[in-house]
Amino acid sequence: MCNLYSLTKGQDAIRGWFDGVDDQTGNLPPMPGIYPDYAAPVVCHGDGGPVLQMMRWGMPSPAFALKGKKTDRGVTNIRNIASPHWRRWLVPEHRCVVPFTAFSEPLNRPGERSRPIWFALGEDRPLVFFAGVWTQWTSVRKLKDGETTDNRFGFLTTEPNAEVGAVHPKAMPVILTTPDEVQAWLSAETADLPKLQRPLPDGALQVIDPED
């Protein structure tokens, strides 16, 4: 499960992927560590075209997961798009793409402390996108904050390719690496989405040093 990623490219790099994007993020600094419930930039459909805005990472949890709980910390990664809970947000109006330059998966080995392994499409960390969904939702994320209404996002996962599978054999994020793939995710018919929920080819990712 990917619960940590980074975005170190600037707004110009994100805007360059879209025609006429409405940038509502203000001054966007590099974000070397984005964790669940952090606000992060997302591109979604707006009334006049694509919009770049900040949203909180973590979609609403299914009702069964909230039994006996006072807060909903959100779901960061979405695998089962056939679930009725997720189907309502698979229409184009609720699809988004999440810019990133690297993501991590936890390496867990017996007798060793868990540590993050970072992946990117190259040492220079080119900008690419997660395939995501978003919604506006009212809930209690943290007891101290009480009930809040937030724009919230999550992104899809799929089976891992060779590089990610060597670290985390269960899943990897669905990654979009070209403008055509981004537009396909944002505009495809809902029935076609399972074909887009696929891993990157083996060899497409590199393990990188997060300090570089």
N, C-alpha and C. Protein backbone atom coordinates (compact mmCIF):
# COMPACT_ATOMS: atom_id res chain seq x y z
N MET A 1 0.85 -1.19 0.00
CA MET A 1 0.00 0.00 0.00
C MET A 1 0.88 1.24 0.00
N CYS A 2 0.67 2.10 -0.97
CA CYS A 2 1.45 3.33 -1.06
C CYS A 2 0.83 4.38 -0.15
N ASN A 3 1.50 4.70 0.95
CA ASN A 3 1.04 5.74 1.86
C ASN A 3 2.07 6.85 2.03
N LEU A 4 2.93 6.99 1.03
CA LEU A 4 3.93 8.05 1.06
C LEU A 4 4.41 8.28 -0.36
N TYR A 5 4.36 9.53 -0.80
CA TYR A 5 4.92 9.87 -2.12
C TYR A 5 5.47 11.28 -2.08
N SER A 6 6.12 11.69 -3.16
CA SER A 6 6.72 13.02 -3.20
C SER A 6 6.41 13.71 -4.52
N LEU A 7 6.47 15.03 -4.46
CA LEU A 7 6.29 15.87 -5.65
C LEU A 7 7.32 16.98 -5.58
N THR A 8 8.35 16.88 -6.39
CA THR A 8 9.44 17.85 -6.33
C THR A 8 9.54 18.71 -7.58
N LYS A 9 8.67 18.50 -8.55
CA LYS A 9 8.59 19.37 -9.72
C LYS A 9 7.61 20.50 -9.44
N GLY A 10 7.81 21.64 -10.07
CA GLY A 10 7.00 22.82 -9.80
C GLY A 10 5.70 22.85 -10.57
N GLN A 11 4.96 23.92 -10.33
CA GLN A 11 3.64 24.08 -10.96
C GLN A 11 3.72 24.16 -12.47
N ASP A 12 4.78 24.77 -13.00
CA ASP A 12 4.89 24.87 -14.45
C ASP A 12 4.94 23.49 -15.09
N ALA A 13 5.62 22.56 -14.44
CA ALA A 13 5.70 21.20 -14.98
C ALA A 13 4.32 20.55 -15.01
N ILE A 14 3.53 20.76 -13.96
CA ILE A 14 2.18 20.18 -13.93
C ILE A 14 1.30 20.85 -14.98
N ARG A 15 1.33 22.17 -15.04
CA ARG A 15 0.48 22.89 -16.00
C ARG A 15 0.80 22.52 -17.43
N GLY A 16 2.06 22.16 -17.69
CA GLY A 16 2.46 21.82 -19.05
C GLY A 16 1.79 20.58 -19.62
N TRP A 17 1.15 19.79 -18.77
CA TRP A 17 0.46 18.58 -19.23
C TRP A 17 -0.97 18.86 -19.69
N PHE A 18 -1.49 20.08 -19.45
CA PHE A 18 -2.90 20.36 -19.68
C PHE A 18 -3.06 21.67 -20.43
N ASP A 19 -4.07 21.72 -21.29
CA ASP A 19 -4.41 22.95 -21.99
C ASP A 19 -5.38 23.77 -21.15
N GLY A 20 -4.99 25.00 -20.87
CA GLY A 20 -5.90 25.92 -20.18
C GLY A 20 -6.25 25.53 -18.77
N VAL A 21 -5.31 24.93 -18.04
CA VAL A 21 -5.61 24.51 -16.68
C VAL A 21 -5.77 25.72 -15.76
N ASP A 22 -6.76 25.67 -14.91
CA ASP A 22 -7.00 26.71 -13.91
C ASP A 22 -6.24 26.34 -12.64
N ASP A 23 -5.15 27.03 -12.37
CA ASP A 23 -4.30 26.71 -11.22
C ASP A 23 -4.78 27.48 -10.00
N GLN A 24 -5.33 26.74 -9.03
CA GLN A 24 -5.86 27.34 -7.81
C GLN A 24 -5.01 27.02 -6.59
N THR A 25 -3.77 26.57 -6.80
CA THR A 25 -2.95 26.12 -5.68
C THR A 25 -2.13 27.22 -5.03
N GLY A 26 -2.08 28.41 -5.63
CA GLY A 26 -1.24 29.46 -5.05
C GLY A 26 0.22 29.17 -5.27
N ASN A 27 1.05 29.44 -4.27
CA ASN A 27 2.49 29.18 -4.37
C ASN A 27 2.76 27.76 -3.88
N LEU A 28 3.06 26.86 -4.80
CA LEU A 28 3.19 25.45 -4.47
C LEU A 28 4.67 25.09 -4.27
N PRO A 29 5.11 24.84 -3.04
CA PRO A 29 6.51 24.50 -2.80
C PRO A 29 6.77 23.03 -3.11
N PRO A 30 8.03 22.61 -3.21
CA PRO A 30 8.32 21.18 -3.33
C PRO A 30 7.77 20.44 -2.12
N MET A 31 7.29 19.23 -2.37
CA MET A 31 6.67 18.42 -1.31
C MET A 31 7.39 17.06 -1.27
N PRO A 32 8.50 16.97 -0.54
CA PRO A 32 9.29 15.73 -0.54
C PRO A 32 8.66 14.57 0.20
N GLY A 33 7.65 14.83 1.04
CA GLY A 33 6.99 13.75 1.78
C GLY A 33 5.51 14.04 1.94
N ILE A 34 4.65 13.37 1.18
CA ILE A 34 3.21 13.55 1.25
C ILE A 34 2.62 12.29 1.89
N TYR A 35 1.96 12.47 3.03
CA TYR A 35 1.41 11.36 3.81
C TYR A 35 -0.12 11.42 3.80
N PRO A 36 -0.79 10.33 4.22
CA PRO A 36 -2.25 10.36 4.30
C PRO A 36 -2.76 11.55 5.11
N ASP A 37 -3.83 12.13 4.62
CA ASP A 37 -4.52 13.28 5.18
C ASP A 37 -3.80 14.60 4.92
N TYR A 38 -2.63 14.56 4.27
CA TYR A 38 -1.99 15.81 3.86
C TYR A 38 -2.78 16.42 2.70
N ALA A 39 -2.71 17.72 2.57
CA ALA A 39 -3.23 18.41 1.38
C ALA A 39 -2.18 18.33 0.29
N ALA A 40 -2.61 17.96 -0.91
CA ALA A 40 -1.69 17.79 -2.03
C ALA A 40 -2.39 18.22 -3.31
N PRO A 41 -1.63 18.59 -4.35
CA PRO A 41 -2.25 19.03 -5.60
C PRO A 41 -2.85 17.87 -6.40
N VAL A 42 -3.98 18.17 -7.01
CA VAL A 42 -4.74 17.20 -7.81
C VAL A 42 -5.30 17.95 -9.00
N VAL A 43 -5.36 17.29 -10.16
CA VAL A 43 -6.00 17.88 -11.34
C VAL A 43 -7.31 17.13 -11.59
N CYS A 44 -8.41 17.90 -11.68
CA CYS A 44 -9.73 17.30 -11.90
C CYS A 44 -10.49 18.15 -12.91
N HIS A 45 -11.69 17.71 -13.27
CA HIS A 45 -12.54 18.46 -14.18
C HIS A 45 -13.14 19.67 -13.47
N GLY A 46 -13.16 20.80 -14.15
CA GLY A 46 -13.85 21.99 -13.67
C GLY A 46 -14.90 22.42 -14.66
N ASP A 47 -15.64 23.45 -14.34
CA ASP A 47 -16.71 23.92 -15.23
C ASP A 47 -16.16 24.37 -16.58
N GLY A 48 -14.95 24.95 -16.57
CA GLY A 48 -14.39 25.47 -17.81
C GLY A 48 -13.19 24.71 -18.31
N GLY A 49 -12.91 23.56 -17.76
CA GLY A 49 -11.73 22.80 -18.16
C GLY A 49 -11.03 22.22 -16.95
N PRO A 50 -9.78 21.76 -17.11
CA PRO A 50 -9.07 21.15 -15.99
C PRO A 50 -8.72 22.17 -14.90
N VAL A 51 -8.78 21.71 -13.66
CA VAL A 51 -8.47 22.56 -12.50
C VAL A 51 -7.39 21.88 -11.67
N LEU A 52 -6.38 22.65 -11.29
CA LEU A 52 -5.34 22.19 -10.38
C LEU A 52 -5.64 22.79 -9.02
N GLN A 53 -5.93 21.94 -8.03
CA GLN A 53 -6.29 22.43 -6.71
C GLN A 53 -5.77 21.48 -5.63
N MET A 54 -5.80 21.96 -4.40
CA MET A 54 -5.36 21.16 -3.27
C MET A 54 -6.52 20.36 -2.71
N MET A 55 -6.26 19.09 -2.38
CA MET A 55 -7.24 18.23 -1.74
C MET A 55 -6.54 17.41 -0.66
N ARG A 56 -7.34 16.85 0.25
CA ARG A 56 -6.80 16.00 1.32
C ARG A 56 -6.76 14.55 0.85
N TRP A 57 -5.64 13.88 1.15
CA TRP A 57 -5.45 12.51 0.69
C TRP A 57 -6.19 11.54 1.61
N GLY A 58 -7.21 10.89 1.06
CA GLY A 58 -7.98 9.91 1.81
C GLY A 58 -9.45 10.00 1.48
N MET A 59 -9.96 9.08 0.66
CA MET A 59 -11.37 9.05 0.31
C MET A 59 -12.20 8.54 1.49
N PRO A 60 -13.53 8.79 1.48
CA PRO A 60 -14.39 8.30 2.56
C PRO A 60 -14.31 6.78 2.69
N SER A 61 -14.26 6.30 3.91
CA SER A 61 -14.20 4.86 4.16
C SER A 61 -15.57 4.22 4.00
N PRO A 62 -15.63 2.94 3.60
CA PRO A 62 -16.91 2.23 3.57
C PRO A 62 -17.53 2.17 4.96
N ALA A 63 -18.85 2.05 4.99
CA ALA A 63 -19.57 2.06 6.26
C ALA A 63 -19.11 0.95 7.19
N PHE A 64 -18.84 -0.25 6.65
CA PHE A 64 -18.46 -1.36 7.52
C PHE A 64 -17.14 -1.08 8.24
N ALA A 65 -16.26 -0.29 7.62
CA ALA A 65 -14.96 0.01 8.22
C ALA A 65 -15.07 1.04 9.33
N LEU A 66 -16.21 1.71 9.45
CA LEU A 66 -16.38 2.77 10.45
C LEU A 66 -17.15 2.33 11.68
N LYS A 67 -17.61 1.09 11.71
CA LYS A 67 -18.37 0.62 12.86
C LYS A 67 -17.54 0.71 14.14
N GLY A 68 -18.09 1.37 15.15
CA GLY A 68 -17.41 1.51 16.43
C GLY A 68 -16.34 2.59 16.45
N LYS A 69 -16.19 3.36 15.37
CA LYS A 69 -15.16 4.39 15.31
C LYS A 69 -15.79 5.78 15.34
N LYS A 70 -15.06 6.72 15.90
CA LYS A 70 -15.54 8.09 15.97
C LYS A 70 -14.97 8.98 14.87
N THR A 71 -13.97 8.48 14.17
CA THR A 71 -13.34 9.27 13.10
C THR A 71 -13.21 8.41 11.85
N ASP A 72 -13.09 9.09 10.73
CA ASP A 72 -12.81 8.44 9.45
C ASP A 72 -11.50 9.01 8.92
N ARG A 73 -10.45 8.24 9.02
CA ARG A 73 -9.13 8.71 8.57
C ARG A 73 -8.97 8.62 7.06
N GLY A 74 -9.91 7.95 6.39
CA GLY A 74 -9.90 7.93 4.94
C GLY A 74 -9.18 6.73 4.35
N VAL A 75 -9.48 6.47 3.09
CA VAL A 75 -8.87 5.38 2.32
C VAL A 75 -7.97 5.99 1.26
N THR A 76 -6.70 5.69 1.31
CA THR A 76 -5.74 6.29 0.38
C THR A 76 -5.66 5.56 -0.94
N ASN A 77 -5.75 4.22 -0.91
CA ASN A 77 -5.56 3.39 -2.10
C ASN A 77 -6.82 2.59 -2.38
N ILE A 78 -7.22 2.52 -3.63
CA ILE A 78 -8.47 1.88 -4.04
C ILE A 78 -8.17 0.76 -5.03
N ARG A 79 -8.55 -0.46 -4.69
CA ARG A 79 -8.27 -1.61 -5.57
C ARG A 79 -9.54 -2.15 -6.23
N ASN A 80 -10.60 -2.36 -5.45
CA ASN A 80 -11.79 -3.04 -5.95
C ASN A 80 -12.78 -2.03 -6.52
N ILE A 81 -12.62 -1.69 -7.80
CA ILE A 81 -13.49 -0.68 -8.39
C ILE A 81 -14.87 -1.24 -8.73
N ALA A 82 -15.08 -2.54 -8.53
CA ALA A 82 -16.42 -3.11 -8.70
C ALA A 82 -17.29 -2.91 -7.47
N SER A 83 -16.69 -2.48 -6.35
CA SER A 83 -17.45 -2.27 -5.12
C SER A 83 -18.44 -1.11 -5.30
N PRO A 84 -19.69 -1.28 -4.84
CA PRO A 84 -20.65 -0.17 -4.92
C PRO A 84 -20.16 1.09 -4.22
N HIS A 85 -19.35 0.92 -3.17
CA HIS A 85 -18.84 2.10 -2.47
C HIS A 85 -18.02 2.97 -3.40
N TRP A 86 -17.24 2.38 -4.30
CA TRP A 86 -16.36 3.14 -5.17
C TRP A 86 -17.00 3.48 -6.51
N ARG A 87 -17.96 2.69 -6.96
CA ARG A 87 -18.52 2.89 -8.30
C ARG A 87 -19.11 4.28 -8.48
N ARG A 88 -19.68 4.84 -7.42
CA ARG A 88 -20.32 6.16 -7.55
C ARG A 88 -19.32 7.25 -7.92
N TRP A 89 -18.02 7.02 -7.65
CA TRP A 89 -17.00 8.04 -7.92
C TRP A 89 -16.12 7.70 -9.12
N LEU A 90 -16.56 6.74 -9.93
CA LEU A 90 -15.77 6.37 -11.10
C LEU A 90 -16.22 7.09 -12.36
N VAL A 91 -17.27 7.89 -12.27
CA VAL A 91 -17.72 8.67 -13.43
C VAL A 91 -16.70 9.78 -13.70
N PRO A 92 -16.62 10.28 -14.95
CA PRO A 92 -15.60 11.30 -15.27
C PRO A 92 -15.60 12.51 -14.34
N GLU A 93 -16.78 12.93 -13.86
CA GLU A 93 -16.84 14.12 -13.01
C GLU A 93 -16.06 13.94 -11.71
N HIS A 94 -15.86 12.71 -11.28
CA HIS A 94 -15.16 12.46 -10.03
C HIS A 94 -13.77 11.84 -10.24
N ARG A 95 -13.32 11.80 -11.46
CA ARG A 95 -11.96 11.29 -11.70
C ARG A 95 -10.95 12.43 -11.60
N CYS A 96 -9.76 12.09 -11.22
CA CYS A 96 -8.69 13.07 -11.12
C CYS A 96 -7.36 12.37 -11.40
N VAL A 97 -6.33 13.18 -11.56
CA VAL A 97 -4.97 12.65 -11.64
C VAL A 97 -4.12 13.38 -10.60
N VAL A 98 -3.20 12.63 -10.01
CA VAL A 98 -2.42 13.13 -8.88
C VAL A 98 -0.95 13.19 -9.29
N PRO A 99 -0.38 14.39 -9.42
CA PRO A 99 1.02 14.49 -9.86
C PRO A 99 1.98 14.02 -8.78
N PHE A 100 3.05 13.34 -9.22
CA PHE A 100 4.08 12.89 -8.28
C PHE A 100 5.39 12.68 -9.03
N THR A 101 6.47 12.62 -8.29
CA THR A 101 7.77 12.33 -8.88
C THR A 101 8.40 11.06 -8.33
N ALA A 102 7.97 10.59 -7.17
CA ALA A 102 8.45 9.32 -6.60
C ALA A 102 7.42 8.84 -5.59
N PHE A 103 7.38 7.52 -5.37
CA PHE A 103 6.50 6.96 -4.35
C PHE A 103 7.24 5.86 -3.62
N SER A 104 6.76 5.52 -2.44
CA SER A 104 7.46 4.51 -1.65
C SER A 104 6.52 3.38 -1.28
N GLU A 105 7.11 2.22 -1.08
CA GLU A 105 6.42 1.06 -0.54
C GLU A 105 7.25 0.55 0.64
N PRO A 106 6.60 0.05 1.69
CA PRO A 106 7.36 -0.42 2.85
C PRO A 106 8.01 -1.77 2.60
N LEU A 107 9.27 -1.89 2.95
CA LEU A 107 9.98 -3.17 2.89
C LEU A 107 9.93 -3.79 4.28
N ASN A 108 9.25 -4.91 4.38
CA ASN A 108 9.10 -5.61 5.65
C ASN A 108 9.77 -6.98 5.55
N ARG A 109 10.80 -7.17 6.36
CA ARG A 109 11.51 -8.45 6.40
C ARG A 109 11.58 -8.94 7.84
N PRO A 110 11.45 -10.25 8.02
CA PRO A 110 11.49 -10.79 9.39
C PRO A 110 12.75 -10.37 10.13
N GLY A 111 12.55 -9.88 11.36
CA GLY A 111 13.68 -9.48 12.18
C GLY A 111 14.26 -8.12 11.86
N GLU A 112 13.69 -7.42 10.87
CA GLU A 112 14.20 -6.11 10.49
C GLU A 112 13.11 -5.06 10.66
N ARG A 113 13.54 -3.85 10.92
CA ARG A 113 12.60 -2.74 11.02
C ARG A 113 12.11 -2.36 9.63
N SER A 114 10.80 -2.11 9.51
CA SER A 114 10.24 -1.71 8.23
C SER A 114 10.87 -0.40 7.76
N ARG A 115 11.15 -0.31 6.47
CA ARG A 115 11.72 0.93 5.93
C ARG A 115 11.14 1.18 4.53
N PRO A 116 11.03 2.45 4.13
CA PRO A 116 10.45 2.75 2.83
C PRO A 116 11.48 2.57 1.71
N ILE A 117 11.04 1.99 0.62
CA ILE A 117 11.83 1.90 -0.61
C ILE A 117 11.17 2.82 -1.63
N TRP A 118 11.97 3.70 -2.22
CA TRP A 118 11.44 4.72 -3.12
C TRP A 118 11.60 4.30 -4.58
N PHE A 119 10.54 4.59 -5.37
CA PHE A 119 10.54 4.27 -6.80
C PHE A 119 10.25 5.53 -7.61
N ALA A 120 10.88 5.62 -8.78
CA ALA A 120 10.61 6.70 -9.72
C ALA A 120 10.87 6.16 -11.13
N LEU A 121 10.48 6.93 -12.13
CA LEU A 121 10.71 6.50 -13.50
C LEU A 121 12.14 6.75 -13.96
N GLY A 122 12.93 7.40 -13.12
CA GLY A 122 14.33 7.64 -13.43
C GLY A 122 14.99 8.42 -12.31
N GLU A 123 16.31 8.48 -12.34
CA GLU A 123 17.02 9.21 -11.30
C GLU A 123 16.65 10.68 -11.26
N ASP A 124 16.24 11.24 -12.40
CA ASP A 124 15.85 12.65 -12.44
C ASP A 124 14.41 12.87 -12.01
N ARG A 125 13.73 11.81 -11.61
CA ARG A 125 12.36 11.88 -11.10
C ARG A 125 11.42 12.66 -12.02
N PRO A 126 11.15 12.15 -13.21
CA PRO A 126 10.22 12.85 -14.10
C PRO A 126 8.82 12.90 -13.51
N LEU A 127 8.09 13.93 -13.86
CA LEU A 127 6.72 14.09 -13.38
C LEU A 127 5.79 13.12 -14.09
N VAL A 128 5.02 12.38 -13.33
CA VAL A 128 3.97 11.51 -13.84
C VAL A 128 2.77 11.61 -12.89
N PHE A 129 1.75 10.77 -13.11
CA PHE A 129 0.50 10.94 -12.37
C PHE A 129 -0.05 9.60 -11.91
N PHE A 130 -0.68 9.60 -10.73
CA PHE A 130 -1.52 8.50 -10.30
C PHE A 130 -2.92 8.69 -10.89
N ALA A 131 -3.58 7.58 -11.21
CA ALA A 131 -4.98 7.62 -11.64
C ALA A 131 -5.86 7.64 -10.39
N GLY A 132 -6.63 8.72 -10.22
CA GLY A 132 -7.36 8.87 -8.96
C GLY A 132 -8.82 9.21 -9.12
N VAL A 133 -9.49 9.29 -7.98
CA VAL A 133 -10.87 9.76 -7.89
C VAL A 133 -10.95 10.74 -6.72
N TRP A 134 -12.00 11.56 -6.71
CA TRP A 134 -12.13 12.54 -5.65
C TRP A 134 -13.62 12.78 -5.35
N THR A 135 -13.89 13.37 -4.22
CA THR A 135 -15.24 13.80 -3.87
C THR A 135 -15.16 14.85 -2.77
N GLN A 136 -16.22 15.60 -2.61
CA GLN A 136 -16.36 16.48 -1.45
C GLN A 136 -17.18 15.73 -0.41
N TRP A 137 -16.69 15.75 0.85
CA TRP A 137 -17.30 14.89 1.86
C TRP A 137 -17.24 15.57 3.22
N THR A 138 -18.28 15.40 4.01
CA THR A 138 -18.33 15.93 5.36
C THR A 138 -18.18 14.79 6.35
N SER A 139 -17.21 14.90 7.25
CA SER A 139 -16.95 13.83 8.22
C SER A 139 -16.04 14.37 9.31
N VAL A 140 -15.76 13.54 10.28
CA VAL A 140 -14.80 13.85 11.34
C VAL A 140 -13.50 13.11 11.01
N ARG A 141 -12.51 13.85 10.55
CA ARG A 141 -11.22 13.24 10.25
C ARG A 141 -10.39 13.10 11.53
N LYS A 142 -10.43 14.16 12.35
CA LYS A 142 -9.73 14.17 13.63
C LYS A 142 -10.67 14.71 14.68
N LEU A 143 -10.69 14.09 15.86
CA LEU A 143 -11.61 14.53 16.91
C LEU A 143 -11.39 15.98 17.29
N LYS A 144 -10.14 16.41 17.33
CA LYS A 144 -9.87 17.78 17.75
C LYS A 144 -10.40 18.82 16.77
N ASP A 145 -10.57 18.42 15.50
CA ASP A 145 -11.07 19.35 14.49
C ASP A 145 -12.58 19.30 14.36
N GLY A 146 -13.20 18.24 14.86
CA GLY A 146 -14.64 18.09 14.69
C GLY A 146 -15.01 17.80 13.24
N GLU A 147 -16.25 18.05 12.90
CA GLU A 147 -16.74 17.76 11.55
C GLU A 147 -16.26 18.83 10.57
N THR A 148 -15.71 18.38 9.46
CA THR A 148 -15.23 19.29 8.41
C THR A 148 -15.72 18.79 7.06
N THR A 149 -15.83 19.72 6.12
CA THR A 149 -16.15 19.38 4.74
C THR A 149 -14.91 19.61 3.89
N ASP A 150 -14.47 18.56 3.21
CA ASP A 150 -13.20 18.62 2.47
C ASP A 150 -13.36 18.00 1.09
N ASN A 151 -12.55 18.49 0.17
CA ASN A 151 -12.33 17.77 -1.08
C ASN A 151 -11.28 16.71 -0.81
N ARG A 152 -11.61 15.45 -1.09
CA ARG A 152 -10.75 14.34 -0.72
C ARG A 152 -10.45 13.48 -1.94
N PHE A 153 -9.25 12.92 -2.00
CA PHE A 153 -8.86 12.11 -3.16
C PHE A 153 -8.19 10.82 -2.71
N GLY A 154 -8.18 9.88 -3.61
CA GLY A 154 -7.42 8.64 -3.44
C GLY A 154 -7.02 8.17 -4.82
N PHE A 155 -6.13 7.19 -4.91
CA PHE A 155 -5.77 6.69 -6.24
C PHE A 155 -5.82 5.18 -6.29
N LEU A 156 -5.95 4.69 -7.52
CA LEU A 156 -6.15 3.27 -7.74
C LEU A 156 -4.85 2.49 -7.60
N THR A 157 -4.99 1.24 -7.21
CA THR A 157 -3.86 0.32 -7.21
C THR A 157 -4.19 -0.89 -8.09
N THR A 158 -3.17 -1.67 -8.40
CA THR A 158 -3.31 -2.85 -9.23
C THR A 158 -2.22 -3.83 -8.82
N GLU A 159 -2.12 -4.94 -9.54
CA GLU A 159 -1.05 -5.89 -9.21
C GLU A 159 0.30 -5.23 -9.50
N PRO A 160 1.36 -5.59 -8.76
CA PRO A 160 2.65 -4.92 -8.93
C PRO A 160 3.42 -5.43 -10.14
N ASN A 161 4.28 -4.56 -10.67
CA ASN A 161 5.24 -5.05 -11.67
C ASN A 161 6.44 -5.66 -10.94
N ALA A 162 7.48 -6.03 -11.68
CA ALA A 162 8.59 -6.78 -11.08
C ALA A 162 9.30 -5.97 -10.01
N GLU A 163 9.57 -4.69 -10.27
CA GLU A 163 10.34 -3.90 -9.32
C GLU A 163 9.58 -3.71 -8.00
N VAL A 164 8.31 -3.31 -8.09
CA VAL A 164 7.53 -3.09 -6.87
C VAL A 164 7.23 -4.42 -6.19
N GLY A 165 6.95 -5.45 -6.97
CA GLY A 165 6.62 -6.75 -6.41
C GLY A 165 7.74 -7.34 -5.58
N ALA A 166 8.97 -6.99 -5.87
CA ALA A 166 10.10 -7.49 -5.09
C ALA A 166 10.10 -6.92 -3.68
N VAL A 167 9.41 -5.78 -3.49
CA VAL A 167 9.34 -5.13 -2.19
C VAL A 167 7.97 -5.31 -1.56
N HIS A 168 6.94 -5.12 -2.37
CA HIS A 168 5.55 -5.16 -1.89
C HIS A 168 4.75 -6.01 -2.87
N PRO A 169 4.58 -7.29 -2.61
CA PRO A 169 3.99 -8.19 -3.61
C PRO A 169 2.49 -8.06 -3.82
N LYS A 170 1.82 -7.25 -3.04
CA LYS A 170 0.36 -7.19 -3.14
C LYS A 170 -0.15 -6.17 -4.16
N ALA A 171 0.50 -5.02 -4.29
CA ALA A 171 -0.09 -3.97 -5.12
C ALA A 171 0.92 -2.89 -5.44
N MET A 172 0.59 -2.10 -6.47
CA MET A 172 1.29 -0.86 -6.78
C MET A 172 0.27 0.14 -7.29
N PRO A 173 0.56 1.44 -7.25
CA PRO A 173 -0.37 2.43 -7.79
C PRO A 173 -0.53 2.30 -9.30
N VAL A 174 -1.69 2.71 -9.80
CA VAL A 174 -1.90 2.84 -11.24
C VAL A 174 -1.26 4.15 -11.67
N ILE A 175 -0.27 4.07 -12.56
CA ILE A 175 0.55 5.23 -12.93
C ILE A 175 0.33 5.56 -14.40
N LEU A 176 0.16 6.85 -14.68
CA LEU A 176 -0.05 7.37 -16.03
C LEU A 176 1.20 8.13 -16.44
N THR A 177 1.83 7.75 -17.55
CA THR A 177 3.14 8.29 -17.89
C THR A 177 3.16 9.18 -19.12
N THR A 178 2.03 9.33 -19.82
CA THR A 178 1.97 10.17 -21.02
C THR A 178 0.71 11.04 -20.97
N PRO A 179 0.70 12.16 -21.69
CA PRO A 179 -0.53 12.97 -21.75
C PRO A 179 -1.73 12.19 -22.28
N ASP A 180 -1.51 11.29 -23.23
CA ASP A 180 -2.62 10.49 -23.75
C ASP A 180 -3.21 9.60 -22.67
N GLU A 181 -2.36 9.00 -21.83
CA GLU A 181 -2.86 8.16 -20.74
C GLU A 181 -3.63 8.99 -19.72
N VAL A 182 -3.14 10.19 -19.43
CA VAL A 182 -3.84 11.07 -18.49
C VAL A 182 -5.23 11.42 -19.03
N GLN A 183 -5.30 11.80 -20.30
CA GLN A 183 -6.60 12.17 -20.87
C GLN A 183 -7.52 10.97 -20.98
N ALA A 184 -6.96 9.80 -21.25
CA ALA A 184 -7.78 8.59 -21.31
C ALA A 184 -8.42 8.31 -19.96
N TRP A 185 -7.65 8.46 -18.88
CA TRP A 185 -8.21 8.22 -17.56
C TRP A 185 -9.31 9.23 -17.23
N LEU A 186 -9.09 10.48 -17.57
CA LEU A 186 -10.05 11.53 -17.22
C LEU A 186 -11.34 11.46 -18.04
N SER A 187 -11.28 10.86 -19.23
CA SER A 187 -12.43 10.93 -20.13
C SER A 187 -13.03 9.59 -20.54
N ALA A 188 -12.41 8.48 -20.20
CA ALA A 188 -12.87 7.18 -20.67
C ALA A 188 -14.26 6.84 -20.14
N GLU A 189 -14.96 6.00 -20.88
CA GLU A 189 -16.23 5.46 -20.39
C GLU A 189 -15.95 4.63 -19.14
N THR A 190 -16.87 4.70 -18.19
CA THR A 190 -16.67 3.98 -16.93
C THR A 190 -16.46 2.49 -17.17
N ALA A 191 -17.15 1.93 -18.14
CA ALA A 191 -17.01 0.50 -18.43
C ALA A 191 -15.62 0.13 -18.90
N ASP A 192 -14.86 1.11 -19.39
CA ASP A 192 -13.51 0.83 -19.90
C ASP A 192 -12.42 0.96 -18.83
N LEU A 193 -12.77 1.39 -17.63
CA LEU A 193 -11.75 1.66 -16.62
C LEU A 193 -10.96 0.42 -16.21
N PRO A 194 -11.55 -0.78 -16.13
CA PRO A 194 -10.73 -1.93 -15.76
C PRO A 194 -9.53 -2.14 -16.67
N LYS A 195 -9.64 -1.74 -17.94
CA LYS A 195 -8.50 -1.89 -18.86
C LYS A 195 -7.39 -0.90 -18.53
N LEU A 196 -7.73 0.20 -17.86
CA LEU A 196 -6.74 1.21 -17.50
C LEU A 196 -6.11 0.95 -16.13
N GLN A 197 -6.70 0.03 -15.38
CA GLN A 197 -6.20 -0.31 -14.04
C GLN A 197 -5.14 -1.40 -14.20
N ARG A 198 -3.94 -1.00 -14.64
CA ARG A 198 -2.89 -1.96 -14.94
C ARG A 198 -1.55 -1.49 -14.41
N PRO A 199 -0.63 -2.41 -14.15
CA PRO A 199 0.69 -2.01 -13.67
C PRO A 199 1.56 -1.46 -14.80
N LEU A 200 2.61 -0.74 -14.44
CA LEU A 200 3.61 -0.38 -15.43
C LEU A 200 4.34 -1.64 -15.90
N PRO A 201 4.89 -1.61 -17.11
CA PRO A 201 5.68 -2.76 -17.56
C PRO A 201 6.88 -3.00 -16.65
N ASP A 202 7.30 -4.25 -16.57
CA ASP A 202 8.52 -4.56 -15.83
C ASP A 202 9.68 -3.75 -16.40
N GLY A 203 10.50 -3.21 -15.52
CA GLY A 203 11.65 -2.42 -15.94
C GLY A 203 11.38 -0.94 -16.07
N ALA A 204 10.11 -0.50 -15.88
CA ALA A 204 9.78 0.91 -16.06
C ALA A 204 10.19 1.78 -14.88
N LEU A 205 10.38 1.17 -13.69
CA LEU A 205 10.68 1.93 -12.49
C LEU A 205 12.11 1.64 -12.02
N GLN A 206 12.67 2.60 -11.30
CA GLN A 206 13.98 2.43 -10.66
C GLN A 206 13.84 2.66 -9.18
N VAL A 207 14.61 1.92 -8.40
CA VAL A 207 14.74 2.22 -6.98
C VAL A 207 15.72 3.37 -6.85
N ILE A 208 15.33 4.40 -6.11
CA ILE A 208 16.14 5.61 -6.00
C ILE A 208 16.46 5.90 -4.54
N ASP A 209 17.46 6.72 -4.36
CA ASP A 209 17.84 7.19 -3.03
C ASP A 209 17.03 8.44 -2.70
N PRO A 210 16.20 8.44 -1.67
CA PRO A 210 15.37 9.61 -1.38
C PRO A 210 16.16 10.85 -1.02
N GLU A 211 17.43 10.69 -0.67
CA GLU A 211 18.23 11.85 -0.29
C GLU A 211 18.88 12.53 -1.47
N ASP A 212 18.86 11.92 -2.66
CA ASP A 212 19.52 12.52 -3.82
C ASP A 212 18.76 13.76 -4.31
